[in-house]
Amino acid sequence: RCVCYGLGRFGRCPAARYQLAFLLLLLDELRVPPARCALFDPAFSAREAAALRALGLCLLPDNEEGKHGIEGSATLFYMVHCGKALYNNLLWSNWSPAALSKLVIIGNSFRGIEERLLSRILERDYSYIAKVLKGVEEVALPSHPRYLDTFNDTSVHWFPLDKLQELSPEVWDFVEEPMYQDCEDLEIIRKGE
């Protein structure tokens, strides 16, 4: 399975078109049928939604705010240039070694997020990203001069079960849903907005 968040207005934006093309190539390479790939971006126009359906892709009916559970299936999350809250929400909704070990994220570098944020902000606002840093493997996509704006700071992330099981048991005990009340630069479109 594949879930894609935050693709953007590919009808207007060349970078979003490149990201869509890469997603389609990736699905083909991984032999994931288009019907097993669900997408959501609140910015999609009616024409863009129709184009995605014509490609055989599925559209998620509601804004999940990134809170998509894997439901026991290995799942690729394609989230290029999404906001930190989407990644944090995704981790929260799959917060167990068993679930995290079955997901792969292609998106913003978690190491880059850690480097750019003050540790107190990372731990307060994006605690699930902060807690999983020692349990994630990350490899940056190779850079290409033509696509610097399209895939800059993009990495492939996976969560080896043995690394997750090495984290302290207290890491898994705290499962409070993220709320972001004090977050000043929230990069997420909430339900109903």
Protein backbone atom coordinates (compact mmCIF):
# COMPACT_ATOMS: atom_id res chain seq x y z
CA ARG A 1 0.00 0.00 0.00
CA CYS A 2 0.95 3.62 -0.48
CA VAL A 3 -0.43 6.82 1.00
CA CYS A 4 0.53 10.20 -0.45
CA TYR A 5 -0.01 13.43 1.44
CA GLY A 6 0.71 17.00 0.36
CA LEU A 7 1.41 16.50 -3.34
CA GLY A 8 0.21 20.01 -4.08
CA ARG A 9 -1.31 21.70 -7.12
CA PHE A 10 0.36 19.67 -9.85
CA GLY A 11 -1.86 21.35 -12.46
CA ARG A 12 -0.07 24.63 -11.76
CA CYS A 13 3.25 23.71 -10.19
CA PRO A 14 6.07 21.97 -12.12
CA ALA A 15 7.69 20.69 -8.90
CA ALA A 16 4.43 19.00 -7.91
CA ARG A 17 4.22 17.42 -11.40
CA TYR A 18 7.73 16.01 -10.97
CA GLN A 19 6.76 14.66 -7.57
CA LEU A 20 3.67 13.02 -9.06
CA ALA A 21 5.75 11.52 -11.89
CA PHE A 22 8.24 10.15 -9.35
CA LEU A 23 5.38 8.66 -7.32
CA LEU A 24 3.98 6.91 -10.41
CA LEU A 25 7.41 5.55 -11.34
CA LEU A 26 7.94 4.40 -7.78
CA LEU A 27 4.60 2.56 -7.70
CA ASP A 28 5.50 0.86 -10.96
CA GLU A 29 8.97 -0.12 -9.74
CA LEU A 30 7.59 -1.48 -6.45
CA ARG A 31 4.70 -3.21 -8.26
CA VAL A 32 2.09 -1.41 -6.17
CA PRO A 33 -1.13 -1.20 -8.20
CA PRO A 34 -2.34 2.41 -8.54
CA ALA A 35 -5.61 1.40 -6.86
CA ARG A 36 -3.59 0.60 -3.71
CA CYS A 37 -2.30 4.20 -3.53
CA ALA A 38 -4.45 6.76 -1.73
CA LEU A 39 -3.80 10.50 -1.92
CA PHE A 40 -4.97 13.57 -0.08
CA ASP A 41 -4.17 17.22 -0.37
CA PRO A 42 -6.78 19.82 0.56
CA ALA A 43 -5.40 21.98 -2.25
CA PHE A 44 -6.38 19.57 -5.08
CA SER A 45 -8.74 21.15 -7.59
CA ALA A 46 -11.66 19.18 -9.03
CA ARG A 47 -9.69 18.73 -12.29
CA GLU A 48 -6.62 17.47 -10.44
CA ALA A 49 -8.75 15.02 -8.44
CA ALA A 50 -10.30 13.78 -11.71
CA ALA A 51 -6.85 13.37 -13.28
CA LEU A 52 -5.64 11.32 -10.30
CA ARG A 53 -8.72 9.08 -10.53
CA ALA A 54 -8.11 8.67 -14.29
CA LEU A 55 -4.62 7.42 -13.42
CA GLY A 56 -6.28 4.73 -11.27
CA LEU A 57 -5.28 6.31 -7.96
CA CYS A 58 -7.66 6.64 -4.99
CA LEU A 59 -8.46 9.84 -3.17
CA LEU A 60 -8.93 9.80 0.57
CA PRO A 61 -12.37 11.28 1.32
CA ASP A 62 -11.35 13.29 4.40
CA ASN A 63 -8.47 15.27 5.79
CA GLU A 64 -6.84 12.79 8.17
CA GLU A 65 -4.23 15.36 9.25
CA GLY A 66 -1.65 12.62 8.63
CA LYS A 67 -3.26 10.26 11.17
CA HIS A 68 -3.38 7.21 8.93
CA GLY A 69 -2.90 3.84 10.58
CA ILE A 70 -1.18 1.11 8.60
CA GLU A 71 -3.77 -1.49 9.66
CA GLY A 72 -1.13 -4.22 9.76
CA SER A 73 -0.06 -3.79 6.13
CA ALA A 74 3.36 -2.66 4.94
CA THR A 75 2.77 0.91 3.79
CA LEU A 76 4.84 3.49 1.95
CA PHE A 77 4.04 7.09 2.88
CA TYR A 78 5.02 9.56 0.18
CA MET A 79 5.13 12.98 1.85
CA VAL A 80 7.60 15.23 0.01
CA HIS A 81 7.84 18.69 1.63
CA CYS A 82 5.00 18.13 4.10
CA GLY A 83 4.79 20.00 7.38
CA LYS A 84 6.36 18.56 10.53
CA ALA A 85 2.95 18.07 12.15
CA LEU A 86 1.92 15.61 9.41
CA TYR A 87 4.96 13.43 10.09
CA ASN A 88 4.42 13.72 13.85
CA ASN A 89 0.73 12.76 13.51
CA LEU A 90 1.62 9.80 11.28
CA LEU A 91 4.12 8.51 13.85
CA TRP A 92 1.58 8.99 16.67
CA SER A 93 -1.11 7.03 14.82
CA ASN A 94 1.29 4.10 14.35
CA TRP A 95 3.09 4.39 17.71
CA SER A 96 4.32 0.86 18.36
CA PRO A 97 7.39 -1.07 17.24
CA ALA A 98 5.20 -3.52 15.31
CA ALA A 99 3.42 -0.79 13.32
CA LEU A 100 6.40 1.51 12.74
CA SER A 101 8.52 -1.38 11.48
CA LYS A 102 6.00 -1.85 8.66
CA LEU A 103 6.13 1.68 7.31
CA VAL A 104 8.50 3.61 5.10
CA ILE A 105 8.37 7.39 4.71
CA ILE A 106 9.71 9.31 1.75
CA GLY A 107 9.71 12.90 2.92
CA ASN A 108 11.58 15.64 4.73
CA SER A 109 14.74 14.52 6.47
CA PHE A 110 14.10 13.82 10.15
CA ARG A 111 17.79 14.60 10.81
CA GLY A 112 17.30 17.92 9.03
CA ILE A 113 14.27 18.67 11.19
CA GLU A 114 16.34 17.87 14.27
CA GLU A 115 19.17 20.15 13.09
CA ARG A 116 16.90 23.11 12.25
CA LEU A 117 14.73 23.13 15.38
CA LEU A 118 15.69 23.97 18.92
CA SER A 119 15.55 20.73 20.90
CA ARG A 120 12.96 22.15 23.32
CA ILE A 121 10.64 23.03 20.39
CA LEU A 122 11.16 19.62 18.77
CA GLU A 123 10.38 17.81 22.02
CA ARG A 124 7.38 20.03 22.89
CA ASP A 125 5.67 20.33 19.50
CA TYR A 126 6.89 17.27 17.58
CA SER A 127 7.56 14.79 20.36
CA TYR A 128 7.01 11.67 18.26
CA ILE A 129 9.66 12.74 15.74
CA ALA A 130 12.01 13.53 18.64
CA LYS A 131 11.39 10.16 20.33
CA VAL A 132 11.89 8.04 17.22
CA LEU A 133 15.17 9.61 16.04
CA LYS A 134 17.22 6.80 17.61
CA GLY A 135 14.98 4.16 16.01
CA VAL A 136 14.98 5.38 12.41
CA GLU A 137 17.30 4.73 9.49
CA GLU A 138 17.46 7.48 6.90
CA VAL A 139 19.05 7.82 3.47
CA ALA A 140 18.87 11.06 1.49
CA LEU A 141 17.66 10.93 -2.10
CA PRO A 142 20.53 11.74 -4.46
CA SER A 143 20.49 15.36 -5.55
CA HIS A 144 20.14 16.39 -9.17
CA PRO A 145 20.65 19.99 -10.34
CA ARG A 146 17.42 19.96 -12.34
CA TYR A 147 15.29 18.91 -9.37
CA LEU A 148 16.87 20.76 -6.45
CA ASP A 149 13.64 22.55 -5.50
CA THR A 150 11.58 19.42 -6.06
CA PHE A 151 13.34 16.89 -3.83
CA ASN A 152 15.72 18.94 -1.66
CA ASP A 153 15.90 17.68 1.94
CA THR A 154 14.05 14.49 0.93
CA SER A 155 15.04 11.19 2.51
CA VAL A 156 13.80 7.63 2.69
CA HIS A 157 13.06 6.64 6.32
CA TRP A 158 12.46 3.17 7.72
CA PHE A 159 12.20 1.82 11.24
CA PRO A 160 14.07 -1.46 11.86
CA LEU A 161 12.27 -3.51 14.50
CA ASP A 162 15.49 -4.29 16.40
CA LYS A 163 16.33 -0.58 16.70
CA LEU A 164 12.81 0.25 17.87
CA GLN A 165 12.93 -2.50 20.48
CA GLU A 166 16.17 -1.01 21.86
CA LEU A 167 14.37 2.21 22.78
CA SER A 168 13.39 2.48 26.42
CA PRO A 169 9.92 1.16 27.36
CA GLU A 170 8.93 4.67 28.54
CA VAL A 171 9.16 5.88 24.93
CA TRP A 172 6.19 3.66 24.04
CA ASP A 173 4.12 4.47 27.14
CA PHE A 174 3.32 8.08 26.20
CA VAL A 175 0.68 8.03 23.47
CA GLU A 176 -1.10 11.35 23.90
CA GLU A 177 -2.50 12.77 20.66
CA PRO A 178 -0.54 15.81 19.44
CA MET A 179 -2.47 19.09 19.75
CA TYR A 180 -0.01 21.88 18.77
CA GLN A 181 -1.55 24.60 20.99
CA ASP A 182 1.74 26.44 21.50
CA CYS A 183 3.14 25.79 18.03
CA GLU A 184 3.96 29.06 16.28
CA ASP A 185 4.72 27.78 12.78
CA LEU A 186 2.18 25.01 12.33
CA GLU A 187 2.44 23.73 8.74
CA ILE A 188 -0.77 21.73 8.47
CA ILE A 189 -4.24 22.35 7.18
CA ARG A 190 -6.63 21.15 9.85
CA LYS A 191 -9.95 19.45 9.25
CA GLY A 192 -12.58 22.02 8.42
CA GLU A 193 -10.11 24.75 7.45
